[in-house]
């Protein structure tokens, strides 16, 4: 455990952890086309009439 407490070792380890986390977030955001297509459907929800929303919920 002393190895983690040493600042010379903890800084590169922390950098590596944050870099891997950043890469995973980027891959998650830009990776799936299905998720992006689903989000495209949701972007117009504020502009729909209440009647259309009720029809969509009853059909789906």
Protein backbone atom coordinates (compact mmCIF):
# COMPACT_ATOMS: atom_id res chain seq x y z
CA UNK A 1 0.00 0.00 0.00
CA UNK A 2 2.95 2.34 0.38
CA UNK A 3 3.41 2.25 -3.35
CA UNK A 4 0.07 4.08 -3.86
CA UNK A 5 0.88 6.66 -1.20
CA UNK A 6 4.06 7.75 -2.94
CA UNK A 7 3.24 10.83 -5.10
CA UNK A 8 5.66 9.69 -7.80
CA UNK A 9 3.55 6.56 -8.28
CA UNK A 10 0.08 7.91 -7.54
CA UNK A 11 0.10 10.68 -10.14
CA UNK A 12 0.76 8.48 -13.18
CA UNK A 13 -1.71 5.90 -11.88
CA UNK A 14 -4.39 8.57 -11.45
CA UNK A 15 -3.66 9.93 -14.92
CA UNK A 16 -4.00 6.44 -16.37
CA UNK A 17 -7.31 5.86 -14.58
CA UNK A 18 -8.75 9.17 -15.79
CA UNK A 19 -7.51 8.63 -19.35
CA UNK A 20 -9.08 5.16 -19.53
CA UNK A 21 -12.32 6.53 -18.11
CA UNK A 22 -12.30 9.34 -20.69
CA UNK A 23 -11.71 6.87 -23.54
CA UNK A 24 -14.55 4.63 -22.34
CA UNK A 25 -16.93 7.60 -22.18
CA UNK A 26 -15.96 8.67 -25.70
CA UNK A 27 -16.47 5.15 -27.05
CA UNK A 28 -19.82 4.90 -25.28
CA UNK A 29 -21.04 8.23 -26.69
CA UNK A 30 -19.92 7.68 -30.27
CA UNK A 31 -20.03 3.89 -30.38
CA UNK A 32 -23.60 2.70 -30.67
CA UNK A 33 -25.68 3.65 -33.69
CA UNK A 34 -28.83 2.14 -32.16
CA UNK A 35 -28.65 4.43 -29.15
CA UNK A 36 -28.14 7.44 -31.42
CA UNK A 37 -31.13 6.51 -33.56
CA UNK A 38 -33.29 6.13 -30.48
CA UNK A 39 -32.21 9.54 -29.19
CA UNK A 40 -33.11 11.09 -32.56
CA UNK A 41 -36.72 10.05 -31.98
CA UNK A 42 -36.80 11.82 -28.64
CA UNK A 43 -35.56 15.20 -29.82
CA UNK A 44 -38.96 16.36 -31.10
CA UNK A 45 -41.01 15.38 -28.04
CA UNK A 46 -41.44 18.99 -26.80
CA UNK A 47 -43.01 19.95 -30.15
CA UNK A 48 -45.57 17.14 -30.28
CA UNK A 49 -49.21 17.77 -29.45
CA UNK A 50 -50.66 16.03 -26.43
CA UNK A 51 -53.02 14.02 -28.64
CA UNK A 52 -50.12 12.61 -30.68
CA UNK A 53 -48.24 11.62 -27.53
CA UNK A 54 -51.29 9.80 -26.16
CA UNK A 55 -51.74 7.92 -29.47
CA UNK A 56 -48.06 6.88 -29.49
CA UNK A 57 -48.26 5.59 -25.92
CA UNK A 58 -51.43 3.60 -26.59
CA UNK A 59 -49.95 2.02 -29.75
CA UNK A 60 -46.54 1.23 -28.35
